[in-house]
């Protein structure tokens, strides 16, 4: 049975974020539909992963599993320009932040990392 999962990455710790990515990849490989939203302190990790050329991150970005990054948190954390340069779309449907409601409406189960 195929399910839909949203990985809602909040933590600014690289190891936690990478576990969100690994879980997303594993679930996709098992045939599930998976999206990743980058919110909160996790927004500050994009520049580092781009610089490191992290293969897992880049592959999930390339296949558009990474749905978007929070607009407001990118601004507040001072990483707006580098996040914009990454090409990942900004999400701002919840008072400038990336909400889960649009995904819940579409039947996604939300997993917070």
N, C-alpha and C. Protein backbone atom coordinates (compact mmCIF):
# COMPACT_ATOMS: atom_id res chain seq x y z
N UNK A 1 0.84 -1.19 0.00
CA UNK A 1 0.00 0.00 0.00
C UNK A 1 0.89 1.25 0.00
N UNK A 2 0.73 2.07 -0.99
CA UNK A 2 1.51 3.30 -1.11
C UNK A 2 0.93 4.37 -0.19
N UNK A 3 1.83 5.06 0.51
CA UNK A 3 1.43 6.16 1.39
C UNK A 3 2.14 7.44 0.96
N UNK A 4 1.69 8.55 1.53
CA UNK A 4 2.28 9.86 1.27
C UNK A 4 2.86 10.38 2.57
N UNK A 5 4.15 10.80 2.51
CA UNK A 5 4.83 11.30 3.70
C UNK A 5 5.41 12.68 3.43
N UNK A 6 5.28 13.55 4.42
CA UNK A 6 5.95 14.85 4.41
C UNK A 6 6.98 14.84 5.52
N UNK A 7 8.24 15.03 5.15
CA UNK A 7 9.32 15.20 6.12
C UNK A 7 9.42 16.71 6.38
N UNK A 8 9.08 17.10 7.59
CA UNK A 8 9.09 18.51 7.98
C UNK A 8 10.34 18.71 8.82
N UNK A 9 11.42 19.17 8.18
CA UNK A 9 12.72 19.31 8.84
C UNK A 9 12.82 20.64 9.55
N UNK A 10 12.97 20.61 10.87
CA UNK A 10 13.02 21.81 11.70
C UNK A 10 14.38 22.03 12.36
N UNK A 11 15.02 20.96 12.77
CA UNK A 11 16.25 21.04 13.56
C UNK A 11 17.41 21.60 12.74
N UNK A 12 18.22 22.40 13.37
CA UNK A 12 19.39 22.96 12.72
C UNK A 12 20.62 22.08 12.84
N UNK A 13 20.43 20.86 13.34
CA UNK A 13 21.54 19.94 13.48
C UNK A 13 21.66 19.11 12.21
N UNK A 14 22.85 19.12 11.63
CA UNK A 14 23.07 18.46 10.35
C UNK A 14 22.71 16.98 10.41
N UNK A 15 23.10 16.29 11.49
CA UNK A 15 22.83 14.86 11.57
C UNK A 15 21.33 14.58 11.55
N UNK A 16 20.56 15.38 12.26
CA UNK A 16 19.10 15.21 12.27
C UNK A 16 18.53 15.44 10.87
N UNK A 17 19.00 16.47 10.20
CA UNK A 17 18.52 16.78 8.85
C UNK A 17 18.86 15.64 7.88
N UNK A 18 20.08 15.12 8.01
CA UNK A 18 20.48 14.02 7.12
C UNK A 18 19.62 12.78 7.35
N UNK A 19 19.18 12.57 8.59
CA UNK A 19 18.28 11.44 8.85
C UNK A 19 16.92 11.65 8.18
N UNK A 20 16.46 12.89 8.13
CA UNK A 20 15.22 13.18 7.40
C UNK A 20 15.40 12.83 5.93
N UNK A 21 16.56 13.19 5.38
CA UNK A 21 16.84 12.88 3.97
C UNK A 21 16.95 11.38 3.73
N UNK A 22 17.64 10.69 4.64
CA UNK A 22 17.79 9.23 4.47
C UNK A 22 16.44 8.52 4.55
N UNK A 23 15.60 8.94 5.48
CA UNK A 23 14.26 8.35 5.59
C UNK A 23 13.45 8.63 4.34
N UNK A 24 13.55 9.84 3.83
CA UNK A 24 12.83 10.19 2.60
C UNK A 24 13.27 9.28 1.45
N UNK A 25 14.57 9.10 1.30
CA UNK A 25 15.10 8.26 0.22
C UNK A 25 14.62 6.82 0.38
N UNK A 26 14.69 6.30 1.60
CA UNK A 26 14.26 4.92 1.84
C UNK A 26 12.78 4.72 1.52
N UNK A 27 11.95 5.65 1.98
CA UNK A 27 10.51 5.54 1.70
C UNK A 27 10.22 5.66 0.20
N UNK A 28 10.93 6.55 -0.48
CA UNK A 28 10.76 6.67 -1.94
C UNK A 28 11.15 5.38 -2.64
N UNK A 29 12.24 4.77 -2.20
CA UNK A 29 12.69 3.52 -2.81
C UNK A 29 11.68 2.39 -2.61
N UNK A 30 10.87 2.51 -1.56
CA UNK A 30 9.83 1.51 -1.29
C UNK A 30 8.52 1.85 -2.01
N UNK A 31 8.56 2.91 -2.82
CA UNK A 31 7.41 3.25 -3.64
C UNK A 31 6.45 4.27 -3.07
N UNK A 32 6.79 4.85 -1.94
CA UNK A 32 5.92 5.86 -1.33
C UNK A 32 6.17 7.23 -1.95
N UNK A 33 5.18 8.09 -1.84
CA UNK A 33 5.32 9.48 -2.29
C UNK A 33 5.85 10.28 -1.10
N UNK A 34 6.94 11.01 -1.32
CA UNK A 34 7.60 11.72 -0.23
C UNK A 34 7.92 13.15 -0.66
N UNK A 35 7.69 14.09 0.25
CA UNK A 35 8.08 15.49 0.07
C UNK A 35 8.84 15.92 1.32
N UNK A 36 9.74 16.87 1.14
CA UNK A 36 10.50 17.43 2.26
C UNK A 36 10.28 18.94 2.27
N UNK A 37 9.96 19.46 3.46
CA UNK A 37 9.87 20.90 3.67
C UNK A 37 10.92 21.27 4.70
N UNK A 38 11.70 22.30 4.39
CA UNK A 38 12.76 22.76 5.29
C UNK A 38 12.27 24.01 6.01
N UNK A 39 12.21 23.95 7.32
CA UNK A 39 11.65 25.00 8.18
C UNK A 39 12.60 25.27 9.34
N UNK A 40 12.32 26.33 10.06
CA UNK A 40 13.05 26.62 11.30
C UNK A 40 14.55 26.68 11.09
N UNK A 41 15.28 26.19 12.10
CA UNK A 41 16.74 26.25 12.09
C UNK A 41 17.35 25.43 10.95
N UNK A 42 16.62 24.45 10.43
CA UNK A 42 17.13 23.64 9.32
C UNK A 42 17.40 24.48 8.07
N UNK A 43 16.75 25.63 7.97
CA UNK A 43 16.97 26.51 6.81
C UNK A 43 18.43 26.93 6.70
N UNK A 44 19.14 26.93 7.81
CA UNK A 44 20.54 27.36 7.81
C UNK A 44 21.50 26.30 7.29
N UNK A 45 21.01 25.10 6.98
CA UNK A 45 21.88 24.01 6.53
C UNK A 45 22.05 23.94 5.02
N UNK A 46 21.19 24.60 4.28
CA UNK A 46 21.23 24.49 2.81
C UNK A 46 22.57 24.92 2.24
N UNK A 47 23.08 26.05 2.67
CA UNK A 47 24.36 26.55 2.16
C UNK A 47 25.50 25.57 2.39
N UNK A 48 25.52 24.97 3.59
CA UNK A 48 26.57 24.00 3.93
C UNK A 48 26.47 22.76 3.05
N UNK A 49 25.25 22.26 2.85
CA UNK A 49 25.07 21.07 2.02
C UNK A 49 25.40 21.35 0.55
N UNK A 50 25.11 22.56 0.10
CA UNK A 50 25.47 22.96 -1.26
C UNK A 50 26.99 23.02 -1.40
N UNK A 51 27.66 23.63 -0.44
CA UNK A 51 29.12 23.74 -0.46
C UNK A 51 29.78 22.37 -0.42
N UNK A 52 29.23 21.49 0.45
CA UNK A 52 29.77 20.12 0.59
C UNK A 52 29.44 19.25 -0.62
N UNK A 53 28.52 19.71 -1.48
CA UNK A 53 28.04 18.90 -2.61
C UNK A 53 27.54 17.54 -2.11
N UNK A 54 26.76 17.60 -1.02
CA UNK A 54 26.20 16.38 -0.41
C UNK A 54 25.32 15.66 -1.43
N UNK A 55 25.71 14.45 -1.79
CA UNK A 55 25.04 13.72 -2.87
C UNK A 55 23.58 13.39 -2.56
N UNK A 56 23.30 13.00 -1.33
CA UNK A 56 21.92 12.67 -0.96
C UNK A 56 21.03 13.90 -1.07
N UNK A 57 21.48 15.00 -0.48
CA UNK A 57 20.75 16.26 -0.55
C UNK A 57 20.53 16.68 -2.01
N UNK A 58 21.60 16.66 -2.81
CA UNK A 58 21.51 17.11 -4.20
C UNK A 58 20.58 16.23 -5.01
N UNK A 59 20.58 14.91 -4.74
CA UNK A 59 19.69 14.03 -5.49
C UNK A 59 18.22 14.28 -5.15
N UNK A 60 17.93 14.55 -3.87
CA UNK A 60 16.55 14.82 -3.47
C UNK A 60 16.10 16.21 -3.91
N UNK A 61 17.04 17.11 -4.05
CA UNK A 61 16.72 18.43 -4.60
C UNK A 61 16.45 18.30 -6.10
N UNK A 62 17.28 17.55 -6.80
CA UNK A 62 17.16 17.40 -8.25
C UNK A 62 15.85 16.74 -8.65
N UNK A 63 15.39 15.76 -7.88
CA UNK A 63 14.14 15.08 -8.25
C UNK A 63 12.91 15.74 -7.62
N UNK A 64 13.11 16.91 -7.04
CA UNK A 64 12.06 17.75 -6.46
C UNK A 64 11.34 17.11 -5.29
N UNK A 65 12.02 16.18 -4.61
CA UNK A 65 11.48 15.67 -3.34
C UNK A 65 11.49 16.81 -2.33
N UNK A 66 12.54 17.65 -2.37
CA UNK A 66 12.58 18.82 -1.51
C UNK A 66 11.62 19.84 -2.11
N UNK A 67 10.49 19.98 -1.45
CA UNK A 67 9.39 20.81 -1.94
C UNK A 67 9.68 22.29 -1.78
N UNK A 68 10.33 22.66 -0.67
CA UNK A 68 10.59 24.07 -0.46
C UNK A 68 11.24 24.35 0.88
N UNK A 69 11.60 25.61 1.04
CA UNK A 69 12.25 26.10 2.24
C UNK A 69 11.47 27.32 2.75
N UNK A 70 11.44 27.48 4.05
CA UNK A 70 10.68 28.57 4.67
C UNK A 70 11.26 29.94 4.30
N UNK A 71 10.39 30.78 3.78
CA UNK A 71 10.77 32.15 3.42
C UNK A 71 11.15 32.96 4.66
N UNK A 72 10.28 32.99 5.68
CA UNK A 72 10.50 33.83 6.86
C UNK A 72 11.74 33.41 7.64
N UNK A 73 11.91 32.11 7.85
CA UNK A 73 13.08 31.64 8.61
C UNK A 73 14.37 31.91 7.85
N UNK A 74 14.33 31.80 6.54
CA UNK A 74 15.51 32.12 5.74
C UNK A 74 15.91 33.57 5.94
N UNK A 75 14.92 34.45 5.98
CA UNK A 75 15.18 35.87 6.21
C UNK A 75 15.74 36.10 7.62
N UNK A 76 15.04 35.57 8.63
CA UNK A 76 15.41 35.79 10.03
C UNK A 76 16.81 35.23 10.33
N UNK A 77 17.12 34.09 9.75
CA UNK A 77 18.41 33.45 10.01
C UNK A 77 19.54 34.00 9.15
N UNK A 78 19.23 34.93 8.25
CA UNK A 78 20.26 35.56 7.43
C UNK A 78 20.80 34.67 6.32
N UNK A 79 19.98 33.71 5.87
CA UNK A 79 20.43 32.79 4.82
C UNK A 79 19.55 32.88 3.56
N UNK A 80 18.78 33.95 3.45
CA UNK A 80 17.86 34.10 2.33
C UNK A 80 18.58 34.01 0.99
N UNK A 81 19.67 34.76 0.83
CA UNK A 81 20.37 34.80 -0.47
C UNK A 81 20.94 33.44 -0.85
N UNK A 82 21.58 32.75 0.10
CA UNK A 82 22.15 31.45 -0.25
C UNK A 82 21.05 30.41 -0.49
N UNK A 83 19.94 30.52 0.21
CA UNK A 83 18.83 29.60 -0.04
C UNK A 83 18.20 29.89 -1.40
N UNK A 84 18.09 31.15 -1.74
CA UNK A 84 17.57 31.52 -3.06
C UNK A 84 18.49 30.99 -4.15
N UNK A 85 19.80 31.09 -3.94
CA UNK A 85 20.77 30.61 -4.93
C UNK A 85 20.70 29.10 -5.12
N UNK A 86 20.21 28.38 -4.11
CA UNK A 86 20.10 26.92 -4.21
C UNK A 86 19.05 26.48 -5.22
N UNK A 87 18.11 27.38 -5.51
CA UNK A 87 17.04 27.05 -6.45
C UNK A 87 15.85 26.36 -5.82
N UNK A 88 15.91 26.11 -4.52
CA UNK A 88 14.77 25.50 -3.83
C UNK A 88 13.71 26.58 -3.66
N UNK A 89 12.47 26.29 -4.01
CA UNK A 89 11.41 27.31 -3.89
C UNK A 89 11.17 27.71 -2.42
N UNK A 90 10.81 28.96 -2.24
CA UNK A 90 10.42 29.44 -0.91
C UNK A 90 8.94 29.13 -0.69
N UNK A 91 8.61 28.73 0.52
CA UNK A 91 7.22 28.49 0.92
C UNK A 91 6.87 29.51 2.00
N UNK A 92 5.66 30.07 1.91
CA UNK A 92 5.28 31.13 2.86
C UNK A 92 3.78 31.17 3.13
N UNK A 93 3.13 30.02 3.02
CA UNK A 93 1.67 29.98 3.12
C UNK A 93 1.12 30.17 4.53
N UNK A 94 1.98 30.16 5.56
CA UNK A 94 1.54 30.26 6.96
C UNK A 94 2.20 31.49 7.60
N UNK A 95 1.66 32.65 7.32
CA UNK A 95 2.22 33.89 7.85
C UNK A 95 3.71 34.04 7.53
N UNK A 96 4.08 33.71 6.32
CA UNK A 96 5.46 33.81 5.89
C UNK A 96 6.26 32.54 6.09
N UNK A 97 5.70 31.58 6.80
CA UNK A 97 6.38 30.30 7.07
C UNK A 97 5.78 29.19 6.21
N UNK A 98 6.43 28.05 6.22
CA UNK A 98 5.99 26.89 5.44
C UNK A 98 5.09 26.01 6.30
N UNK A 99 3.81 26.03 6.01
CA UNK A 99 2.86 25.25 6.80
C UNK A 99 2.70 23.83 6.31
N UNK A 100 2.11 23.00 7.16
CA UNK A 100 1.84 21.61 6.79
C UNK A 100 0.44 21.43 6.24
N UNK A 101 -0.45 22.39 6.45
CA UNK A 101 -1.86 22.24 6.07
C UNK A 101 -2.06 21.82 4.61
N UNK A 102 -1.38 22.44 3.64
CA UNK A 102 -1.61 22.03 2.25
C UNK A 102 -1.29 20.55 2.01
N UNK A 103 -0.32 20.03 2.73
CA UNK A 103 0.07 18.63 2.57
C UNK A 103 -0.91 17.70 3.28
N UNK A 104 -1.39 18.10 4.44
CA UNK A 104 -2.36 17.31 5.19
C UNK A 104 -3.64 17.17 4.36
N UNK A 105 -4.05 18.27 3.74
CA UNK A 105 -5.24 18.25 2.88
C UNK A 105 -5.08 17.24 1.75
N UNK A 106 -3.83 17.09 1.26
CA UNK A 106 -3.54 16.16 0.16
C UNK A 106 -3.28 14.73 0.66
N UNK A 107 -3.44 14.51 1.97
CA UNK A 107 -3.31 13.15 2.51
C UNK A 107 -1.93 12.74 2.98
N UNK A 108 -1.01 13.70 3.13
CA UNK A 108 0.32 13.36 3.60
C UNK A 108 0.32 13.15 5.11
N UNK A 109 1.08 12.15 5.54
CA UNK A 109 1.39 11.95 6.95
C UNK A 109 2.63 12.79 7.25
N UNK A 110 2.56 13.62 8.29
CA UNK A 110 3.65 14.54 8.59
C UNK A 110 4.61 13.92 9.61
N UNK A 111 5.89 13.91 9.26
CA UNK A 111 6.95 13.44 10.14
C UNK A 111 7.86 14.62 10.42
N UNK A 112 8.02 14.97 11.69
CA UNK A 112 8.83 16.14 12.06
C UNK A 112 10.21 15.69 12.51
N UNK A 113 11.22 16.28 11.89
CA UNK A 113 12.61 16.00 12.24
C UNK A 113 13.26 17.25 12.79
